[in-house]
């Protein structure tokens, strides 16, 4: 039987290992192989143990099967839309000679019937082959993803930490001082963060911190000082949304009967707030965290372009402009898989934070 003590020990172990890895990565220390192995064992072991202890094995298998068919539908729809849209990847202002264009289409199998192209692509996915890029000659889509995903993932992870480390405390602080000046000020900041787009905030902060104060570099991704500004800007908007969700949820939970009972027993306000109210207020935040994590971990295309970060953003934008079918399909499938996986993790965490929720 899973107990709170077991949950605490496992959670602490996983968090310590992951935070150690993140800090070493942030400061550009070489991460030992044993630490990567330890992270994988702890995270994988915690997932398996929690799944089995909560009798969620069938649920996870069911969701995994559903995810497989969802990704298949997404691949089919994306493939169809790219072929139906007018124009082609080798249509240019200056038309290629017919024999040259025919040779290029034959090389990439674009002269085959649509059904044949589709089946070849789907079977290639099952083999782990996402095809060769039309514009980056001689480079596989898988290679491009392997080279750029770590940078986008690194940026997204730092921004995700910023979002939660700012959003949850800010929302809890505002709710604990409901209708006060502090509450109004915190919510003003949250509304401003939601309203102001990142492409507007980024140039303003670059001017202030990079040119006026000369504290941080304005571009590239070469060390800790380069990570701060892009991660902060990317995390501001989600942090504002999380702050508003946390505040609304805390205000709802704090009026519950069991919270009044805890207060009547003489528990300190801080204990009631952090031990009883906060944990049961995180369900709306978790719901928002699924698509947030998938989107932010895949990197923000605007932020990557503004700061010249060598992530996936440049390739996705250029692939759409160049009608690079394999690269568009590969990046779309990657984002979809991350979204499905993130939503599965969020659903499993529901029952962790609120034992009243039962998954079946």
Protein backbone atom coordinates (compact mmCIF):
# COMPACT_ATOMS: atom_id res chain seq x y z
CA UNK A 1 0.00 0.00 0.00
CA UNK A 2 1.39 3.36 -1.04
CA UNK A 3 1.77 5.77 1.87
CA UNK A 4 2.58 9.46 2.20
CA UNK A 5 6.02 8.54 3.56
CA UNK A 6 6.76 6.44 0.46
CA UNK A 7 5.55 9.24 -1.80
CA UNK A 8 7.76 11.74 -0.01
CA UNK A 9 10.90 9.57 -0.21
CA UNK A 10 10.45 8.78 -3.91
CA UNK A 11 9.56 12.36 -4.84
CA UNK A 12 12.54 13.74 -2.92
CA UNK A 13 14.96 11.28 -4.54
CA UNK A 14 13.76 12.05 -8.06
CA UNK A 15 13.76 15.80 -7.44
CA UNK A 16 17.29 15.83 -5.97
CA UNK A 17 18.69 13.87 -8.93
CA UNK A 18 16.89 15.99 -11.54
CA UNK A 19 17.77 19.31 -9.87
CA UNK A 20 21.43 18.26 -9.64
CA UNK A 21 21.43 17.41 -13.36
CA UNK A 22 19.71 20.68 -14.27
CA UNK A 23 22.16 22.76 -12.25
CA UNK A 24 25.17 21.02 -13.77
CA UNK A 25 23.66 21.48 -17.21
CA UNK A 26 22.92 25.16 -16.57
CA UNK A 27 26.49 25.90 -15.51
CA UNK A 28 27.88 23.87 -18.44
CA UNK A 29 29.49 21.17 -16.31
CA UNK A 30 29.96 17.81 -17.96
CA UNK A 31 27.28 15.54 -16.56
CA UNK A 32 28.69 12.11 -15.59
CA UNK A 33 27.21 9.07 -17.28
CA UNK A 34 26.24 7.54 -13.94
CA UNK A 35 24.08 10.61 -13.18
CA UNK A 36 22.18 10.22 -16.46
CA UNK A 37 21.69 6.55 -15.63
CA UNK A 38 20.57 7.43 -12.09
CA UNK A 39 18.06 9.96 -13.44
CA UNK A 40 16.64 7.40 -15.87
CA UNK A 41 16.43 4.67 -13.22
CA UNK A 42 14.79 6.96 -10.65
CA UNK A 43 12.27 8.51 -13.05
CA UNK A 44 11.48 5.22 -14.78
CA UNK A 45 11.37 3.31 -11.52
CA UNK A 46 9.11 5.89 -9.88
CA UNK A 47 6.76 5.79 -12.89
CA UNK A 48 6.57 1.98 -12.91
CA UNK A 49 6.23 1.71 -9.14
CA UNK A 50 3.51 4.34 -8.96
CA UNK A 51 1.64 2.79 -11.90
CA UNK A 52 1.69 -0.68 -10.35
CA UNK A 53 0.98 0.44 -6.78
CA UNK A 54 -2.07 2.41 -7.92
CA UNK A 55 -3.29 -0.40 -10.22
CA UNK A 56 -2.94 1.88 -13.24
CA UNK A 57 -1.13 -0.53 -15.57
CA UNK A 58 -4.20 -1.20 -17.70
CA UNK A 59 -4.96 2.54 -17.79
CA UNK A 60 -1.42 3.37 -19.00
CA UNK A 61 -1.53 0.62 -21.65
CA UNK A 62 -4.92 1.86 -22.81
CA UNK A 63 -3.73 5.46 -23.07
CA UNK A 64 -0.54 4.35 -24.87
CA UNK A 65 -2.60 2.45 -27.44
CA UNK A 66 -4.86 5.45 -27.92
CA UNK A 67 -1.79 7.66 -28.34
CA UNK A 68 -0.49 5.40 -31.10
CA UNK A 69 -3.70 5.82 -33.11
CA UNK A 70 -3.81 9.56 -32.40
CA UNK A 71 -0.29 9.98 -33.81
CA UNK A 72 -1.23 7.85 -36.82
CA UNK A 73 -4.23 10.11 -37.52
CA UNK A 74 -2.07 13.23 -37.12
CA UNK A 75 0.54 11.84 -39.53
CA UNK A 76 -2.18 10.97 -42.04
CA UNK A 77 -3.88 14.36 -41.86
CA UNK A 78 -0.60 16.29 -42.08
CA UNK A 79 0.57 14.19 -45.02
CA UNK A 80 -2.75 14.70 -46.83
CA UNK A 81 -2.87 18.47 -46.23
CA UNK A 82 0.67 18.94 -47.53
CA UNK A 83 -0.19 17.06 -50.73
CA UNK A 84 -3.55 18.78 -51.24
CA UNK A 85 -2.23 22.34 -50.84
CA UNK A 86 -1.32 24.03 -54.15
CA UNK A 87 2.33 24.28 -55.06
CA UNK A 88 5.19 21.95 -54.35
CA UNK A 89 8.58 21.84 -52.64
CA UNK A 90 10.47 22.45 -55.89
CA UNK A 91 8.27 25.14 -57.39
CA UNK A 92 10.33 28.31 -57.76
CA UNK A 93 9.94 31.73 -59.31
CA UNK A 94 12.32 30.62 -62.00
CA UNK A 95 10.96 27.27 -63.12
CA UNK A 96 13.34 24.35 -63.26
CA UNK A 97 13.80 22.56 -66.57
CA UNK A 98 11.24 19.74 -66.84
CA UNK A 99 13.86 16.99 -66.95
CA UNK A 100 15.66 18.37 -63.85
CA UNK A 101 12.41 18.63 -61.90
CA UNK A 102 11.44 15.09 -62.96
CA UNK A 103 14.79 13.73 -61.72
CA UNK A 104 14.42 15.51 -58.37
CA UNK A 105 10.87 14.22 -57.89
CA UNK A 106 12.01 10.71 -58.79
CA UNK A 107 14.81 10.92 -56.22
CA UNK A 108 12.35 11.78 -53.44
CA UNK A 109 9.62 9.45 -54.73
CA UNK A 110 7.28 12.39 -55.41
CA UNK A 111 6.37 11.00 -58.84
CA UNK A 112 4.79 7.89 -57.27
CA UNK A 113 1.02 7.67 -56.63
CA UNK A 114 -0.13 9.43 -53.44
CA UNK A 115 -1.15 6.15 -51.80
CA UNK A 116 2.30 4.69 -52.46
CA UNK A 117 3.98 7.79 -51.00
CA UNK A 118 1.77 7.55 -47.91
CA UNK A 119 2.41 3.86 -47.24
CA UNK A 120 6.15 4.31 -47.75
CA UNK A 121 6.19 7.18 -45.27
CA UNK A 122 4.16 5.33 -42.61
CA UNK A 123 6.32 2.21 -42.90
CA UNK A 124 9.38 4.45 -42.69
CA UNK A 125 8.11 5.90 -39.39
CA UNK A 126 7.78 2.39 -37.95
CA UNK A 127 11.40 1.78 -38.95
CA UNK A 128 12.52 5.04 -37.34
CA UNK A 129 13.15 6.71 -40.72
CA UNK A 130 11.54 10.15 -41.04
CA UNK A 131 12.95 10.73 -44.49
CA UNK A 132 15.53 13.09 -45.97
CA UNK A 133 15.07 16.85 -45.94
CA UNK A 134 14.38 18.43 -49.31
CA UNK A 135 16.28 21.63 -48.52
CA UNK A 136 19.12 20.37 -46.28
CA UNK A 137 20.62 18.08 -48.88
CA UNK A 138 22.00 14.82 -47.57
CA UNK A 139 20.61 15.32 -44.06
CA UNK A 140 17.97 13.10 -42.51
CA UNK A 141 15.11 14.65 -40.56
CA UNK A 142 16.05 12.43 -37.61
CA UNK A 143 19.55 13.92 -37.60
CA UNK A 144 18.21 17.49 -37.66
CA UNK A 145 15.90 16.72 -34.73
CA UNK A 146 18.68 15.06 -32.73
CA UNK A 147 20.90 18.13 -33.24
CA UNK A 148 18.31 20.80 -32.43
CA UNK A 149 15.94 19.18 -29.92
CA UNK A 150 18.38 19.29 -26.95
CA UNK A 151 18.75 23.08 -27.27
CA UNK A 152 14.98 23.66 -27.55
CA UNK A 153 14.39 21.21 -24.71
CA UNK A 154 16.99 22.95 -22.55
CA UNK A 155 15.40 26.36 -23.18
CA UNK A 156 11.95 24.93 -22.51
CA UNK A 157 13.01 23.24 -19.28
CA UNK A 158 14.48 26.44 -17.85
CA UNK A 159 11.40 28.42 -18.92
CA UNK A 160 9.12 25.79 -17.40
CA UNK A 161 10.96 26.06 -14.08
CA UNK A 162 10.63 29.85 -14.22
CA UNK A 163 6.88 29.47 -14.87
CA UNK A 164 6.23 27.28 -11.83
CA UNK A 165 8.72 28.96 -9.49
CA UNK A 166 7.12 32.35 -10.14
CA UNK A 167 3.50 31.44 -10.87
CA UNK A 168 2.62 29.14 -7.95
CA UNK A 169 4.16 31.27 -5.14
CA UNK A 170 2.71 34.45 -6.66
CA UNK A 171 -0.78 32.95 -6.87
CA UNK A 172 -0.57 31.54 -3.35
CA UNK A 173 0.71 34.87 -2.00
CA UNK A 174 -2.12 36.79 -3.68
CA UNK A 175 -4.81 34.39 -2.41
CA UNK A 176 -3.48 34.49 1.16
CA UNK A 177 -3.91 38.27 1.11
CA UNK A 178 -7.21 38.35 -0.72
CA UNK A 179 -8.54 41.80 -1.70
CA UNK A 180 -5.50 43.55 -0.24
CA UNK A 181 -3.06 45.85 -2.01
CA UNK A 182 -0.64 42.92 -2.35
CA UNK A 183 -3.33 40.80 -4.00
CA UNK A 184 -4.25 43.55 -6.46
CA UNK A 185 -0.60 44.24 -7.27
CA UNK A 186 0.15 40.55 -7.87
CA UNK A 187 -2.86 40.14 -10.14
CA UNK A 188 -1.95 43.33 -12.02
CA UNK A 189 1.44 41.75 -12.71
CA UNK A 190 -0.23 38.50 -13.78
CA UNK A 191 -2.66 40.23 -16.14
CA UNK A 192 0.21 42.25 -17.62
CA UNK A 193 2.21 39.06 -18.15
CA UNK A 194 -0.70 37.42 -19.98
CA UNK A 195 -1.48 40.49 -22.09
CA UNK A 196 2.01 41.43 -23.24
CA UNK A 197 3.34 39.15 -26.03
CA UNK A 198 6.85 37.78 -25.84
CA UNK A 199 7.91 39.46 -29.08
CA UNK A 200 7.20 42.80 -27.37
CA UNK A 201 8.74 41.97 -23.99
CA UNK A 202 11.91 40.50 -25.52
CA UNK A 203 13.17 43.68 -27.28
CA UNK A 204 12.35 45.81 -24.23
CA UNK A 205 14.32 43.56 -21.85
CA UNK A 206 17.16 43.25 -24.37
CA UNK A 207 17.47 47.04 -24.51
CA UNK A 208 17.40 47.32 -20.70
CA UNK A 209 19.62 44.41 -19.63
CA UNK A 210 21.89 44.06 -22.66
CA UNK A 211 22.49 47.62 -23.87
CA UNK A 212 21.65 49.99 -21.03
CA UNK A 213 22.90 47.93 -18.08
CA UNK A 214 25.25 45.65 -20.07
CA UNK A 215 24.55 42.73 -17.72
CA UNK A 216 23.58 40.03 -20.20
CA UNK A 217 24.42 39.12 -23.82
CA UNK A 218 21.68 39.87 -26.38
CA UNK A 219 21.88 36.66 -28.41
CA UNK A 220 23.21 33.12 -28.88
CA UNK A 221 23.23 30.13 -26.53
CA UNK A 222 26.80 29.67 -25.31
CA UNK A 223 26.68 29.62 -21.51
CA UNK A 224 24.75 30.39 -18.31
CA UNK A 225 24.66 34.14 -18.92
CA UNK A 226 23.05 33.44 -22.32
CA UNK A 227 20.32 31.24 -20.80
CA UNK A 228 18.85 33.75 -18.35
CA UNK A 229 17.05 36.28 -20.54
CA UNK A 230 15.44 33.88 -23.10
CA UNK A 231 14.29 31.52 -20.32
CA UNK A 232 12.84 34.37 -18.28
CA UNK A 233 10.99 35.89 -21.25
CA UNK A 234 9.64 32.52 -22.39
CA UNK A 235 8.48 31.72 -18.84
CA UNK A 236 6.76 35.03 -18.03
CA UNK A 237 3.48 34.43 -19.86
CA UNK A 238 2.90 30.86 -18.53
CA UNK A 239 3.89 32.08 -15.04
CA UNK A 240 1.17 34.73 -15.20
CA UNK A 241 -1.46 32.16 -16.22
CA UNK A 242 -0.33 29.76 -13.48
CA UNK A 243 -0.49 32.57 -10.90
CA UNK A 244 -4.11 33.35 -11.80
CA UNK A 245 -5.10 29.67 -11.80
CA UNK A 246 -3.39 29.08 -8.45
CA UNK A 247 -5.02 32.11 -6.85
CA UNK A 248 -8.53 31.14 -8.03
CA UNK A 249 -8.08 27.53 -6.93
CA UNK A 250 -6.63 28.46 -3.51
CA UNK A 251 -9.52 30.83 -2.84
CA UNK A 252 -11.96 28.01 -3.62
CA UNK A 253 -10.18 25.37 -1.53
CA UNK A 254 -9.54 27.64 1.44
CA UNK A 255 -13.31 27.89 2.03
CA UNK A 256 -13.72 24.09 2.26
CA UNK A 257 -14.97 22.38 5.40
CA UNK A 258 -11.78 20.42 6.03
CA UNK A 259 -9.73 23.64 5.93
CA UNK A 260 -12.03 25.20 8.53
CA UNK A 261 -11.59 22.04 10.61
CA UNK A 262 -7.80 22.30 10.35
CA UNK A 263 -7.95 25.92 11.48
CA UNK A 264 -10.30 24.99 14.34
CA UNK A 265 -7.74 22.45 15.58
CA UNK A 266 -5.30 25.31 16.06
CA UNK A 267 -2.91 24.58 13.19
CA UNK A 268 -0.78 27.59 12.22
CA UNK A 269 -1.94 29.51 9.17
CA UNK A 270 1.30 28.73 7.31
CA UNK A 271 0.89 24.97 7.89
CA UNK A 272 -2.73 25.04 6.74
CA UNK A 273 -1.83 27.06 3.66
CA UNK A 274 1.19 25.08 2.47
CA UNK A 275 0.36 21.55 3.65
CA UNK A 276 -3.40 21.36 3.11
CA UNK A 277 -4.54 24.14 0.79
CA UNK A 278 -1.74 24.26 -1.78
CA UNK A 279 -1.61 20.56 -2.63
CA UNK A 280 -5.35 20.36 -3.27
CA UNK A 281 -5.26 23.58 -5.29
CA UNK A 282 -2.87 22.30 -7.95
CA UNK A 283 -5.39 20.33 -10.06
CA UNK A 284 -6.23 23.29 -12.37
CA UNK A 285 -2.51 24.05 -12.66
CA UNK A 286 -1.83 20.42 -13.59
CA UNK A 287 -4.55 20.54 -16.26
CA UNK A 288 -2.87 23.56 -17.81
CA UNK A 289 0.59 22.01 -17.42
CA UNK A 290 0.09 19.25 -20.02
CA UNK A 291 -0.12 21.37 -23.18
CA UNK A 292 2.11 24.01 -21.54
CA UNK A 293 4.94 21.53 -21.01
CA UNK A 294 4.67 20.12 -24.53
CA UNK A 295 4.66 23.56 -26.12
CA UNK A 296 7.37 25.11 -24.00
CA UNK A 297 9.73 22.09 -24.06
CA UNK A 298 9.66 22.04 -27.84
CA UNK A 299 10.94 25.61 -27.71
CA UNK A 300 9.40 28.92 -28.60
CA UNK A 301 9.99 29.73 -32.24
CA UNK A 302 9.75 33.49 -31.69
CA UNK A 303 12.21 33.50 -28.78
CA UNK A 304 14.62 31.27 -30.65
CA UNK A 305 14.56 33.60 -33.65
CA UNK A 306 14.94 36.78 -31.57
CA UNK A 307 17.91 35.42 -29.60
CA UNK A 308 19.43 33.42 -32.50
CA UNK A 309 19.16 30.18 -30.50
CA UNK A 310 20.04 27.11 -32.62
CA UNK A 311 16.90 25.14 -31.75
CA UNK A 312 14.04 23.67 -33.73
CA UNK A 313 12.24 26.99 -34.24
CA UNK A 314 14.31 28.04 -37.25
CA UNK A 315 13.85 24.67 -38.92
CA UNK A 316 10.09 24.58 -38.39
CA UNK A 317 9.57 28.05 -39.83
CA UNK A 318 11.90 27.42 -42.76
CA UNK A 319 10.39 24.00 -43.44
CA UNK A 320 6.94 25.56 -43.83
CA UNK A 321 8.32 28.33 -46.07
CA UNK A 322 10.29 25.84 -48.18
CA UNK A 323 7.50 23.23 -48.29
CA UNK A 324 9.96 20.71 -46.88
CA UNK A 325 7.46 17.87 -46.44
CA UNK A 326 9.59 15.38 -44.44
CA UNK A 327 10.81 18.05 -42.00
CA UNK A 328 7.30 19.44 -41.45
CA UNK A 329 5.94 15.94 -40.82
CA UNK A 330 8.80 14.99 -38.50
CA UNK A 331 8.52 18.12 -36.33
CA UNK A 332 4.71 17.88 -36.24
CA UNK A 333 4.88 14.27 -35.07
CA UNK A 334 7.49 15.16 -32.45
CA UNK A 335 5.36 17.96 -30.99
CA UNK A 336 2.26 15.74 -31.05
CA UNK A 337 4.07 12.92 -29.25
CA UNK A 338 5.31 15.33 -26.57
CA UNK A 339 1.79 16.69 -26.11
CA UNK A 340 0.27 13.21 -25.75
CA UNK A 341 2.99 12.09 -23.31
CA UNK A 342 2.70 15.28 -21.22
CA UNK A 343 -1.08 14.84 -20.93
CA UNK A 344 -0.61 11.23 -19.81
CA UNK A 345 1.82 12.29 -17.06
CA UNK A 346 -0.58 15.03 -15.94
CA UNK A 347 -3.47 12.56 -15.73
CA UNK A 348 -1.37 10.22 -13.59
CA UNK A 349 -0.40 13.08 -11.30
CA UNK A 350 -4.06 13.89 -10.62
CA UNK A 351 -4.43 10.96 -8.26
CA UNK A 352 -1.06 11.77 -6.64
CA UNK A 353 -2.08 15.28 -5.62
CA UNK A 354 -5.71 14.41 -4.89
CA UNK A 355 -6.32 10.81 -3.73
CA UNK A 356 -10.07 11.34 -4.20
CA UNK A 357 -9.51 11.16 -7.97
CA UNK A 358 -9.50 7.57 -9.20
CA UNK A 359 -8.28 6.66 -12.68
CA UNK A 360 -9.61 3.53 -14.32
